[in-house]
Amino acid sequence: MTTIASELREGVRSAYSLAAETPGARHPFPVGAAFAREVGYSGDLPDVALDAFAGVSNVAVFADLRSDARVLDLGCGAGLDSIVAGRRARMVLGLDFSAAMLRRARQAACGGNVAFVQGDAERLPLADGSIDTALVNGIFNLNPARDAIFGELARVVKPGGAVYGAELILREPLSAEQRGSTANWFS
C-alpha cells in the first residue's frame, strides 16, 4: 500500500472512530439518528447504533433478504444495517475496521443472530461462496483498495447471491492533484 493510501486509510479510520466515540461532535460527514431517519430508517432501533450512524443510505431496509440468508454487512460501522438485516435473515456478520464502531455495534446488537468482527474489506476472513447477500453502505469511496474489495465480494458471495450497495458519487472526475491528496478526503 502506498504512503498516500496508508494515510487515507488511517485518516478514515480516525474520523469514523471519532464519530463512534463522540457522535454529537462536528464531523466532516453526516452522523447520527436524525440523518439515519432522514435516509429511511424507521421503527424501534437501538439508540447506540442510531447515534453513530454514518452510512449514506438505508441499504438493509431496501435489500431483498431471504429468511434463511447468510448476510455480510461490509463496513458495518455502529451496526444499524446489521441489526435491521438480522430481523429478516438467518445470520448476519458485520465487519468493520474501526474498533470504536464495533464496540457500539456489539452493544447495540445484544447477541442473537448478529455477530461482529474487526477486519479489512480488501481481505475478508470468510470462505469462498459463504455469503448469500452482502450489504455495503458507503465504503467504496473511503478505501483506495476498491478493486480488491470488489474481488473479495465476488469471492465470498455465492453464485446467484446479491450485493446491495450505496455510495456517494461525483458529478465530475477529480483532478490528478485532488486524487493524490489527503487534504479534502471527506469534502
N, C-alpha and C. Protein backbone atom coordinates (compact mmCIF):
# COMPACT_ATOMS: atom_id res chain seq x y z
N MET A 1 0.86 -1.17 0.00
CA MET A 1 0.00 0.00 0.00
C MET A 1 0.91 1.23 0.00
N THR A 2 0.57 2.21 -0.83
CA THR A 2 1.37 3.42 -0.91
C THR A 2 1.25 4.25 0.35
N THR A 3 2.15 5.19 0.51
CA THR A 3 2.10 6.08 1.67
C THR A 3 0.81 6.86 1.69
N ILE A 4 0.40 7.40 0.54
CA ILE A 4 -0.85 8.18 0.48
C ILE A 4 -2.04 7.28 0.81
N ALA A 5 -2.08 6.08 0.27
CA ALA A 5 -3.18 5.16 0.57
C ALA A 5 -3.21 4.83 2.06
N SER A 6 -2.06 4.61 2.66
CA SER A 6 -1.99 4.34 4.11
C SER A 6 -2.47 5.53 4.92
N GLU A 7 -2.07 6.73 4.51
CA GLU A 7 -2.52 7.94 5.20
C GLU A 7 -4.04 8.10 5.08
N LEU A 8 -4.58 7.85 3.89
CA LEU A 8 -6.02 7.95 3.69
C LEU A 8 -6.76 6.95 4.57
N ARG A 9 -6.28 5.73 4.57
CA ARG A 9 -6.91 4.68 5.37
C ARG A 9 -6.91 5.04 6.85
N GLU A 10 -5.80 5.49 7.37
CA GLU A 10 -5.73 5.87 8.78
C GLU A 10 -6.57 7.10 9.07
N GLY A 11 -6.63 8.02 8.12
CA GLY A 11 -7.49 9.19 8.29
C GLY A 11 -8.96 8.82 8.36
N VAL A 12 -9.36 7.89 7.51
CA VAL A 12 -10.75 7.42 7.53
C VAL A 12 -11.03 6.68 8.83
N ARG A 13 -10.12 5.79 9.23
CA ARG A 13 -10.31 5.06 10.50
C ARG A 13 -10.44 6.04 11.67
N SER A 14 -9.59 7.03 11.71
CA SER A 14 -9.61 8.02 12.78
C SER A 14 -10.93 8.80 12.78
N ALA A 15 -11.37 9.23 11.60
CA ALA A 15 -12.61 10.01 11.51
C ALA A 15 -13.82 9.20 11.95
N TYR A 16 -13.91 7.96 11.52
CA TYR A 16 -15.05 7.13 11.88
C TYR A 16 -14.98 6.66 13.33
N SER A 17 -13.79 6.46 13.84
CA SER A 17 -13.66 6.12 15.25
C SER A 17 -14.10 7.30 16.12
N LEU A 18 -13.74 8.50 15.71
CA LEU A 18 -14.18 9.69 16.44
C LEU A 18 -15.71 9.83 16.39
N ALA A 19 -16.30 9.51 15.25
CA ALA A 19 -17.77 9.55 15.14
C ALA A 19 -18.41 8.56 16.10
N ALA A 20 -17.77 7.41 16.30
CA ALA A 20 -18.29 6.42 17.24
C ALA A 20 -18.12 6.89 18.68
N GLU A 21 -16.98 7.50 18.98
CA GLU A 21 -16.68 7.90 20.35
C GLU A 21 -17.41 9.17 20.76
N THR A 22 -17.58 10.11 19.84
CA THR A 22 -18.27 11.38 20.14
C THR A 22 -19.19 11.74 18.98
N PRO A 23 -20.29 11.00 18.84
CA PRO A 23 -21.16 11.23 17.69
C PRO A 23 -21.78 12.63 17.63
N GLY A 24 -21.93 13.27 18.77
CA GLY A 24 -22.53 14.60 18.78
C GLY A 24 -21.59 15.72 18.38
N ALA A 25 -20.31 15.40 18.23
CA ALA A 25 -19.33 16.42 17.82
C ALA A 25 -19.51 16.77 16.34
N ARG A 26 -18.80 17.76 15.91
CA ARG A 26 -18.83 18.16 14.50
C ARG A 26 -17.94 17.20 13.69
N HIS A 27 -18.47 16.68 12.59
CA HIS A 27 -17.76 15.74 11.74
C HIS A 27 -17.82 16.23 10.29
N PRO A 28 -16.90 15.80 9.44
CA PRO A 28 -16.90 16.23 8.04
C PRO A 28 -17.90 15.45 7.18
N PHE A 29 -18.77 14.67 7.80
CA PHE A 29 -19.80 13.89 7.12
C PHE A 29 -20.97 13.76 8.09
N PRO A 30 -22.17 13.49 7.58
CA PRO A 30 -23.33 13.37 8.47
C PRO A 30 -23.21 12.18 9.41
N VAL A 31 -23.60 12.40 10.66
CA VAL A 31 -23.56 11.36 11.69
C VAL A 31 -24.81 11.51 12.55
N GLY A 32 -25.45 10.40 12.87
CA GLY A 32 -26.47 10.43 13.90
C GLY A 32 -27.85 9.94 13.53
N ALA A 33 -28.70 9.93 14.55
CA ALA A 33 -30.04 9.41 14.43
C ALA A 33 -30.90 10.21 13.46
N ALA A 34 -30.80 11.53 13.51
CA ALA A 34 -31.61 12.35 12.60
C ALA A 34 -31.27 12.04 11.15
N PHE A 35 -29.97 11.88 10.86
CA PHE A 35 -29.56 11.53 9.50
C PHE A 35 -30.05 10.13 9.12
N ALA A 36 -29.95 9.18 10.05
CA ALA A 36 -30.43 7.81 9.78
C ALA A 36 -31.92 7.83 9.45
N ARG A 37 -32.69 8.57 10.21
CA ARG A 37 -34.14 8.67 9.95
C ARG A 37 -34.39 9.36 8.60
N GLU A 38 -33.58 10.36 8.30
CA GLU A 38 -33.71 11.10 7.04
C GLU A 38 -33.50 10.20 5.82
N VAL A 39 -32.59 9.25 5.91
CA VAL A 39 -32.34 8.37 4.77
C VAL A 39 -33.24 7.14 4.77
N GLY A 40 -34.14 7.01 5.73
CA GLY A 40 -35.16 5.98 5.64
C GLY A 40 -35.21 4.90 6.70
N TYR A 41 -34.40 4.98 7.74
CA TYR A 41 -34.50 4.01 8.83
C TYR A 41 -35.66 4.42 9.72
N SER A 42 -36.49 3.46 10.09
CA SER A 42 -37.63 3.78 10.94
C SER A 42 -37.86 2.64 11.92
N GLY A 43 -38.77 2.86 12.82
CA GLY A 43 -39.12 1.84 13.78
C GLY A 43 -38.23 1.86 15.01
N ASP A 44 -38.35 0.79 15.77
CA ASP A 44 -37.63 0.65 17.03
C ASP A 44 -36.21 0.16 16.74
N LEU A 45 -35.27 1.07 16.83
CA LEU A 45 -33.86 0.75 16.58
C LEU A 45 -33.03 1.26 17.75
N PRO A 46 -31.97 0.58 18.10
CA PRO A 46 -31.18 0.97 19.28
C PRO A 46 -30.47 2.31 19.10
N ASP A 47 -30.63 3.17 20.10
CA ASP A 47 -30.00 4.49 20.05
C ASP A 47 -28.49 4.41 19.88
N VAL A 48 -27.85 3.42 20.49
CA VAL A 48 -26.40 3.32 20.41
C VAL A 48 -25.93 3.14 18.96
N ALA A 49 -26.73 2.50 18.12
CA ALA A 49 -26.41 2.36 16.70
C ALA A 49 -26.87 3.60 15.92
N LEU A 50 -28.04 4.10 16.21
CA LEU A 50 -28.56 5.29 15.51
C LEU A 50 -27.66 6.50 15.73
N ASP A 51 -27.21 6.70 16.96
CA ASP A 51 -26.44 7.90 17.31
C ASP A 51 -25.14 8.03 16.52
N ALA A 52 -24.53 6.91 16.14
CA ALA A 52 -23.26 6.96 15.42
C ALA A 52 -23.40 6.51 13.97
N PHE A 53 -24.64 6.47 13.46
CA PHE A 53 -24.84 6.08 12.05
C PHE A 53 -24.09 7.06 11.15
N ALA A 54 -23.32 6.51 10.21
CA ALA A 54 -22.54 7.35 9.29
C ALA A 54 -22.53 6.76 7.89
N GLY A 55 -23.59 6.06 7.51
CA GLY A 55 -23.70 5.50 6.17
C GLY A 55 -24.18 6.54 5.18
N VAL A 56 -24.61 6.09 4.02
CA VAL A 56 -25.09 7.02 3.00
C VAL A 56 -26.51 6.70 2.55
N SER A 57 -27.05 5.56 2.98
CA SER A 57 -28.38 5.15 2.56
C SER A 57 -28.94 4.14 3.57
N ASN A 58 -30.06 3.56 3.22
CA ASN A 58 -30.71 2.57 4.08
C ASN A 58 -30.64 1.19 3.43
N VAL A 59 -29.45 0.73 3.15
CA VAL A 59 -29.21 -0.49 2.39
C VAL A 59 -29.99 -1.69 2.93
N ALA A 60 -29.97 -1.93 4.23
CA ALA A 60 -30.64 -3.10 4.79
C ALA A 60 -32.15 -3.00 4.69
N VAL A 61 -32.67 -1.79 4.62
CA VAL A 61 -34.12 -1.60 4.50
C VAL A 61 -34.59 -2.04 3.12
N PHE A 62 -33.86 -1.67 2.06
CA PHE A 62 -34.33 -1.99 0.70
C PHE A 62 -33.79 -3.31 0.15
N ALA A 63 -32.83 -3.93 0.80
CA ALA A 63 -32.29 -5.20 0.31
C ALA A 63 -33.33 -6.31 0.41
N ASP A 64 -33.36 -7.15 -0.59
CA ASP A 64 -34.23 -8.32 -0.61
C ASP A 64 -33.51 -9.44 0.12
N LEU A 65 -33.89 -9.67 1.37
CA LEU A 65 -33.21 -10.66 2.21
C LEU A 65 -34.14 -11.84 2.49
N ARG A 66 -33.66 -13.03 2.18
CA ARG A 66 -34.42 -14.24 2.49
C ARG A 66 -34.26 -14.56 3.97
N SER A 67 -35.22 -15.24 4.54
CA SER A 67 -35.16 -15.57 5.97
C SER A 67 -34.05 -16.56 6.28
N ASP A 68 -33.58 -17.33 5.29
CA ASP A 68 -32.50 -18.30 5.53
C ASP A 68 -31.13 -17.76 5.08
N ALA A 69 -31.05 -16.48 4.77
CA ALA A 69 -29.83 -15.89 4.20
C ALA A 69 -28.72 -15.72 5.23
N ARG A 70 -27.49 -15.91 4.75
CA ARG A 70 -26.27 -15.54 5.49
C ARG A 70 -25.82 -14.22 4.89
N VAL A 71 -25.79 -13.17 5.72
CA VAL A 71 -25.57 -11.80 5.24
C VAL A 71 -24.25 -11.26 5.79
N LEU A 72 -23.52 -10.58 4.92
CA LEU A 72 -22.32 -9.83 5.32
C LEU A 72 -22.66 -8.36 5.24
N ASP A 73 -22.46 -7.64 6.34
CA ASP A 73 -22.59 -6.18 6.36
C ASP A 73 -21.17 -5.64 6.36
N LEU A 74 -20.68 -5.29 5.18
CA LEU A 74 -19.29 -4.88 4.99
C LEU A 74 -19.14 -3.39 5.29
N GLY A 75 -18.31 -3.06 6.27
CA GLY A 75 -18.19 -1.68 6.73
C GLY A 75 -19.38 -1.35 7.61
N CYS A 76 -19.67 -2.23 8.56
CA CYS A 76 -20.92 -2.17 9.33
C CYS A 76 -21.02 -0.96 10.26
N GLY A 77 -19.92 -0.29 10.56
CA GLY A 77 -19.99 0.86 11.44
C GLY A 77 -20.62 0.50 12.78
N ALA A 78 -21.56 1.29 13.22
CA ALA A 78 -22.21 1.10 14.52
C ALA A 78 -23.26 0.00 14.50
N GLY A 79 -23.43 -0.69 13.35
CA GLY A 79 -24.25 -1.88 13.30
C GLY A 79 -25.70 -1.72 12.89
N LEU A 80 -26.11 -0.56 12.44
CA LEU A 80 -27.52 -0.35 12.14
C LEU A 80 -28.02 -1.29 11.04
N ASP A 81 -27.29 -1.39 9.92
CA ASP A 81 -27.73 -2.30 8.85
C ASP A 81 -27.70 -3.75 9.32
N SER A 82 -26.72 -4.11 10.12
CA SER A 82 -26.66 -5.49 10.64
C SER A 82 -27.89 -5.81 11.47
N ILE A 83 -28.28 -4.89 12.31
CA ILE A 83 -29.44 -5.11 13.18
C ILE A 83 -30.73 -5.20 12.37
N VAL A 84 -30.90 -4.30 11.41
CA VAL A 84 -32.08 -4.34 10.54
C VAL A 84 -32.10 -5.65 9.76
N ALA A 85 -30.97 -6.05 9.19
CA ALA A 85 -30.91 -7.29 8.42
C ALA A 85 -31.14 -8.50 9.32
N GLY A 86 -30.63 -8.44 10.54
CA GLY A 86 -30.78 -9.55 11.47
C GLY A 86 -32.23 -9.85 11.83
N ARG A 87 -33.10 -8.91 11.63
CA ARG A 87 -34.53 -9.13 11.90
C ARG A 87 -35.19 -9.90 10.77
N ARG A 88 -34.49 -10.03 9.63
CA ARG A 88 -35.08 -10.68 8.46
C ARG A 88 -34.27 -11.86 7.95
N ALA A 89 -33.03 -11.99 8.34
CA ALA A 89 -32.16 -13.04 7.81
C ALA A 89 -31.73 -14.00 8.91
N ARG A 90 -31.23 -15.15 8.51
CA ARG A 90 -30.81 -16.19 9.47
C ARG A 90 -29.58 -15.78 10.26
N MET A 91 -28.57 -15.23 9.57
CA MET A 91 -27.31 -14.88 10.23
C MET A 91 -26.72 -13.66 9.56
N VAL A 92 -26.20 -12.73 10.37
CA VAL A 92 -25.56 -11.53 9.85
C VAL A 92 -24.19 -11.39 10.50
N LEU A 93 -23.19 -11.15 9.66
CA LEU A 93 -21.85 -10.86 10.14
C LEU A 93 -21.53 -9.43 9.73
N GLY A 94 -21.31 -8.58 10.72
CA GLY A 94 -20.89 -7.21 10.47
C GLY A 94 -19.38 -7.12 10.58
N LEU A 95 -18.73 -6.53 9.58
CA LEU A 95 -17.28 -6.40 9.59
C LEU A 95 -16.92 -4.93 9.43
N ASP A 96 -16.02 -4.45 10.28
CA ASP A 96 -15.56 -3.06 10.19
C ASP A 96 -14.11 -2.99 10.64
N PHE A 97 -13.42 -1.94 10.23
CA PHE A 97 -12.01 -1.80 10.62
C PHE A 97 -11.82 -0.87 11.79
N SER A 98 -12.89 -0.27 12.31
CA SER A 98 -12.82 0.63 13.45
C SER A 98 -13.27 -0.08 14.73
N ALA A 99 -12.35 -0.26 15.66
CA ALA A 99 -12.68 -0.90 16.93
C ALA A 99 -13.74 -0.10 17.69
N ALA A 100 -13.70 1.22 17.59
CA ALA A 100 -14.67 2.06 18.29
C ALA A 100 -16.08 1.85 17.74
N MET A 101 -16.20 1.76 16.43
CA MET A 101 -17.51 1.49 15.83
C MET A 101 -18.00 0.11 16.24
N LEU A 102 -17.12 -0.87 16.23
CA LEU A 102 -17.52 -2.22 16.60
C LEU A 102 -17.98 -2.32 18.05
N ARG A 103 -17.40 -1.54 18.94
CA ARG A 103 -17.87 -1.53 20.34
C ARG A 103 -19.34 -1.11 20.37
N ARG A 104 -19.68 -0.08 19.62
CA ARG A 104 -21.08 0.37 19.55
C ARG A 104 -21.96 -0.71 18.94
N ALA A 105 -21.50 -1.30 17.85
CA ALA A 105 -22.30 -2.31 17.16
C ALA A 105 -22.60 -3.49 18.09
N ARG A 106 -21.60 -3.95 18.80
CA ARG A 106 -21.79 -5.08 19.71
C ARG A 106 -22.75 -4.73 20.84
N GLN A 107 -22.65 -3.52 21.34
CA GLN A 107 -23.56 -3.07 22.39
C GLN A 107 -24.99 -2.97 21.86
N ALA A 108 -25.15 -2.52 20.64
CA ALA A 108 -26.48 -2.35 20.04
C ALA A 108 -27.14 -3.68 19.74
N ALA A 109 -26.36 -4.66 19.29
CA ALA A 109 -26.95 -5.92 18.84
C ALA A 109 -27.39 -6.83 19.97
N CYS A 110 -26.67 -6.86 21.05
CA CYS A 110 -27.03 -7.69 22.21
C CYS A 110 -27.26 -9.15 21.84
N GLY A 111 -26.36 -9.72 21.06
CA GLY A 111 -26.43 -11.15 20.75
C GLY A 111 -27.37 -11.48 19.62
N GLY A 112 -28.00 -12.63 19.72
CA GLY A 112 -28.92 -13.08 18.67
C GLY A 112 -28.16 -13.61 17.47
N ASN A 113 -28.69 -13.37 16.29
CA ASN A 113 -28.11 -13.91 15.07
C ASN A 113 -27.18 -12.92 14.36
N VAL A 114 -26.72 -11.91 15.09
CA VAL A 114 -25.83 -10.89 14.54
C VAL A 114 -24.50 -10.95 15.31
N ALA A 115 -23.41 -11.03 14.55
CA ALA A 115 -22.08 -11.04 15.15
C ALA A 115 -21.21 -10.01 14.44
N PHE A 116 -20.19 -9.55 15.14
CA PHE A 116 -19.31 -8.51 14.58
C PHE A 116 -17.86 -8.93 14.69
N VAL A 117 -17.08 -8.55 13.68
CA VAL A 117 -15.66 -8.88 13.66
C VAL A 117 -14.89 -7.69 13.07
N GLN A 118 -13.70 -7.48 13.60
CA GLN A 118 -12.84 -6.43 13.06
C GLN A 118 -12.03 -7.01 11.91
N GLY A 119 -11.96 -6.29 10.82
CA GLY A 119 -11.22 -6.76 9.67
C GLY A 119 -11.18 -5.73 8.57
N ASP A 120 -10.53 -6.10 7.49
CA ASP A 120 -10.35 -5.22 6.34
C ASP A 120 -11.20 -5.70 5.17
N ALA A 121 -11.86 -4.79 4.52
CA ALA A 121 -12.75 -5.11 3.40
C ALA A 121 -12.01 -5.74 2.24
N GLU A 122 -10.73 -5.42 2.11
CA GLU A 122 -9.95 -5.96 0.99
C GLU A 122 -9.32 -7.32 1.31
N ARG A 123 -9.54 -7.83 2.52
CA ARG A 123 -9.04 -9.15 2.93
C ARG A 123 -10.07 -9.77 3.87
N LEU A 124 -11.17 -10.25 3.32
CA LEU A 124 -12.27 -10.76 4.14
C LEU A 124 -11.93 -12.12 4.75
N PRO A 125 -12.18 -12.27 6.05
CA PRO A 125 -11.88 -13.53 6.74
C PRO A 125 -13.02 -14.54 6.59
N LEU A 126 -13.41 -14.78 5.33
CA LEU A 126 -14.55 -15.66 5.04
C LEU A 126 -14.18 -16.64 3.94
N ALA A 127 -14.85 -17.79 3.97
CA ALA A 127 -14.63 -18.81 2.95
C ALA A 127 -15.28 -18.40 1.63
N ASP A 128 -14.76 -18.91 0.56
CA ASP A 128 -15.33 -18.69 -0.77
C ASP A 128 -16.80 -19.12 -0.77
N GLY A 129 -17.66 -18.31 -1.37
CA GLY A 129 -19.07 -18.66 -1.53
C GLY A 129 -19.84 -18.89 -0.25
N SER A 130 -19.44 -18.24 0.83
CA SER A 130 -20.08 -18.48 2.13
C SER A 130 -21.20 -17.49 2.47
N ILE A 131 -21.42 -16.50 1.62
CA ILE A 131 -22.39 -15.44 1.90
C ILE A 131 -23.46 -15.42 0.81
N ASP A 132 -24.72 -15.29 1.24
CA ASP A 132 -25.83 -15.17 0.28
C ASP A 132 -25.99 -13.74 -0.20
N THR A 133 -25.90 -12.80 0.74
CA THR A 133 -26.14 -11.39 0.43
C THR A 133 -25.13 -10.52 1.17
N ALA A 134 -24.56 -9.57 0.46
CA ALA A 134 -23.67 -8.59 1.09
C ALA A 134 -24.31 -7.22 1.03
N LEU A 135 -24.17 -6.48 2.12
CA LEU A 135 -24.64 -5.10 2.22
C LEU A 135 -23.41 -4.21 2.35
N VAL A 136 -23.35 -3.15 1.55
CA VAL A 136 -22.19 -2.25 1.59
C VAL A 136 -22.74 -0.82 1.57
N ASN A 137 -22.62 -0.14 2.68
CA ASN A 137 -23.23 1.19 2.84
C ASN A 137 -22.17 2.28 2.93
N GLY A 138 -21.64 2.68 1.78
CA GLY A 138 -20.77 3.84 1.73
C GLY A 138 -19.32 3.63 2.09
N ILE A 139 -18.70 2.53 1.67
CA ILE A 139 -17.27 2.36 1.99
C ILE A 139 -16.36 2.45 0.78
N PHE A 140 -16.89 2.30 -0.42
CA PHE A 140 -16.02 2.24 -1.60
C PHE A 140 -15.22 3.52 -1.79
N ASN A 141 -15.83 4.65 -1.58
CA ASN A 141 -15.11 5.92 -1.75
C ASN A 141 -14.10 6.17 -0.64
N LEU A 142 -14.17 5.40 0.41
CA LEU A 142 -13.30 5.63 1.57
C LEU A 142 -12.10 4.70 1.62
N ASN A 143 -11.97 3.83 0.64
CA ASN A 143 -10.88 2.87 0.65
C ASN A 143 -10.21 2.85 -0.72
N PRO A 144 -8.94 3.19 -0.79
CA PRO A 144 -8.25 3.20 -2.07
C PRO A 144 -8.09 1.82 -2.70
N ALA A 145 -8.39 0.74 -1.97
CA ALA A 145 -8.25 -0.62 -2.49
C ALA A 145 -9.58 -1.15 -3.02
N ARG A 146 -10.31 -0.32 -3.77
CA ARG A 146 -11.63 -0.70 -4.27
C ARG A 146 -11.60 -1.98 -5.10
N ASP A 147 -10.63 -2.11 -5.98
CA ASP A 147 -10.57 -3.31 -6.81
C ASP A 147 -10.48 -4.57 -5.96
N ALA A 148 -9.69 -4.52 -4.91
CA ALA A 148 -9.56 -5.67 -4.01
C ALA A 148 -10.88 -5.94 -3.28
N ILE A 149 -11.59 -4.89 -2.90
CA ILE A 149 -12.88 -5.07 -2.22
C ILE A 149 -13.87 -5.76 -3.15
N PHE A 150 -13.96 -5.29 -4.39
CA PHE A 150 -14.87 -5.93 -5.35
C PHE A 150 -14.46 -7.38 -5.59
N GLY A 151 -13.17 -7.65 -5.65
CA GLY A 151 -12.69 -9.01 -5.81
C GLY A 151 -13.08 -9.90 -4.64
N GLU A 152 -12.96 -9.37 -3.44
CA GLU A 152 -13.33 -10.13 -2.25
C GLU A 152 -14.84 -10.39 -2.20
N LEU A 153 -15.63 -9.39 -2.57
CA LEU A 153 -17.09 -9.60 -2.61
C LEU A 153 -17.42 -10.70 -3.62
N ALA A 154 -16.80 -10.66 -4.78
CA ALA A 154 -17.04 -11.70 -5.79
C ALA A 154 -16.63 -13.08 -5.27
N ARG A 155 -15.61 -13.13 -4.46
CA ARG A 155 -15.13 -14.40 -3.91
C ARG A 155 -16.06 -14.97 -2.85
N VAL A 156 -16.55 -14.13 -1.92
CA VAL A 156 -17.31 -14.66 -0.77
C VAL A 156 -18.80 -14.79 -1.02
N VAL A 157 -19.35 -14.04 -1.97
CA VAL A 157 -20.79 -14.15 -2.25
C VAL A 157 -21.02 -15.35 -3.16
N LYS A 158 -21.98 -16.19 -2.78
CA LYS A 158 -22.30 -17.41 -3.53
C LYS A 158 -22.73 -17.06 -4.95
N PRO A 159 -22.50 -17.95 -5.89
CA PRO A 159 -23.07 -17.77 -7.22
C PRO A 159 -24.59 -17.61 -7.09
N GLY A 160 -25.14 -16.61 -7.73
CA GLY A 160 -26.56 -16.32 -7.61
C GLY A 160 -26.90 -15.45 -6.42
N GLY A 161 -25.91 -15.13 -5.60
CA GLY A 161 -26.13 -14.25 -4.45
C GLY A 161 -26.26 -12.81 -4.91
N ALA A 162 -26.33 -11.90 -3.94
CA ALA A 162 -26.54 -10.49 -4.28
C ALA A 162 -25.66 -9.58 -3.42
N VAL A 163 -25.30 -8.46 -4.01
CA VAL A 163 -24.60 -7.39 -3.29
C VAL A 163 -25.46 -6.15 -3.43
N TYR A 164 -25.84 -5.59 -2.30
CA TYR A 164 -26.58 -4.32 -2.27
C TYR A 164 -25.63 -3.27 -1.75
N GLY A 165 -25.46 -2.22 -2.53
CA GLY A 165 -24.53 -1.18 -2.12
C GLY A 165 -25.11 0.20 -2.33
N ALA A 166 -24.61 1.13 -1.56
CA ALA A 166 -24.96 2.53 -1.70
C ALA A 166 -23.66 3.32 -1.59
N GLU A 167 -23.55 4.35 -2.38
CA GLU A 167 -22.33 5.14 -2.38
C GLU A 167 -22.63 6.55 -2.87
N LEU A 168 -21.85 7.49 -2.40
CA LEU A 168 -21.89 8.85 -2.92
C LEU A 168 -21.11 8.86 -4.23
N ILE A 169 -21.58 9.61 -5.19
CA ILE A 169 -20.87 9.67 -6.46
C ILE A 169 -20.55 11.12 -6.80
N LEU A 170 -19.50 11.30 -7.58
CA LEU A 170 -19.09 12.63 -8.02
C LEU A 170 -19.86 13.03 -9.27
N ARG A 171 -20.00 14.30 -9.46
CA ARG A 171 -20.63 14.81 -10.67
C ARG A 171 -19.64 14.87 -11.82
N GLU A 172 -18.36 14.96 -11.48
CA GLU A 172 -17.30 15.00 -12.49
C GLU A 172 -16.04 14.42 -11.89
N PRO A 173 -15.11 13.92 -12.72
CA PRO A 173 -13.89 13.31 -12.20
C PRO A 173 -13.04 14.33 -11.43
N LEU A 174 -12.31 13.80 -10.44
CA LEU A 174 -11.35 14.62 -9.70
C LEU A 174 -10.08 14.77 -10.53
N SER A 175 -9.40 15.87 -10.33
CA SER A 175 -8.11 16.06 -10.99
C SER A 175 -7.09 15.11 -10.35
N ALA A 176 -5.97 14.89 -11.04
CA ALA A 176 -4.92 14.04 -10.50
C ALA A 176 -4.41 14.59 -9.17
N GLU A 177 -4.31 15.90 -9.07
CA GLU A 177 -3.85 16.53 -7.82
C GLU A 177 -4.81 16.24 -6.67
N GLN A 178 -6.12 16.35 -6.93
CA GLN A 178 -7.11 16.07 -5.90
C GLN A 178 -7.11 14.59 -5.51
N ARG A 179 -6.96 13.69 -6.48
CA ARG A 179 -6.94 12.25 -6.18
C ARG A 179 -5.74 11.87 -5.34
N GLY A 180 -4.64 12.56 -5.48
CA GLY A 180 -3.42 12.22 -4.77
C GLY A 180 -3.23 12.94 -3.46
N SER A 181 -4.23 13.68 -3.01
CA SER A 181 -4.11 14.46 -1.78
C SER A 181 -5.02 13.92 -0.68
N THR A 182 -4.56 13.99 0.54
CA THR A 182 -5.41 13.59 1.67
C THR A 182 -6.18 14.78 2.26
N ALA A 183 -5.95 15.97 1.75
CA ALA A 183 -6.50 17.20 2.36
C ALA A 183 -8.02 17.26 2.30
N ASN A 184 -8.63 16.83 1.22
CA ASN A 184 -10.07 17.00 1.04
C ASN A 184 -10.82 15.68 0.98
N TRP A 185 -10.34 14.68 1.66
CA TRP A 185 -10.91 13.34 1.53
C TRP A 185 -12.39 13.30 1.84
N PHE A 186 -12.88 14.04 2.81
CA PHE A 186 -14.29 13.99 3.18
C PHE A 186 -15.09 15.17 2.65
N SER A 187 -14.49 16.07 1.89
CA SER A 187 -15.27 17.23 1.47
C SER A 187 -15.87 17.06 0.11
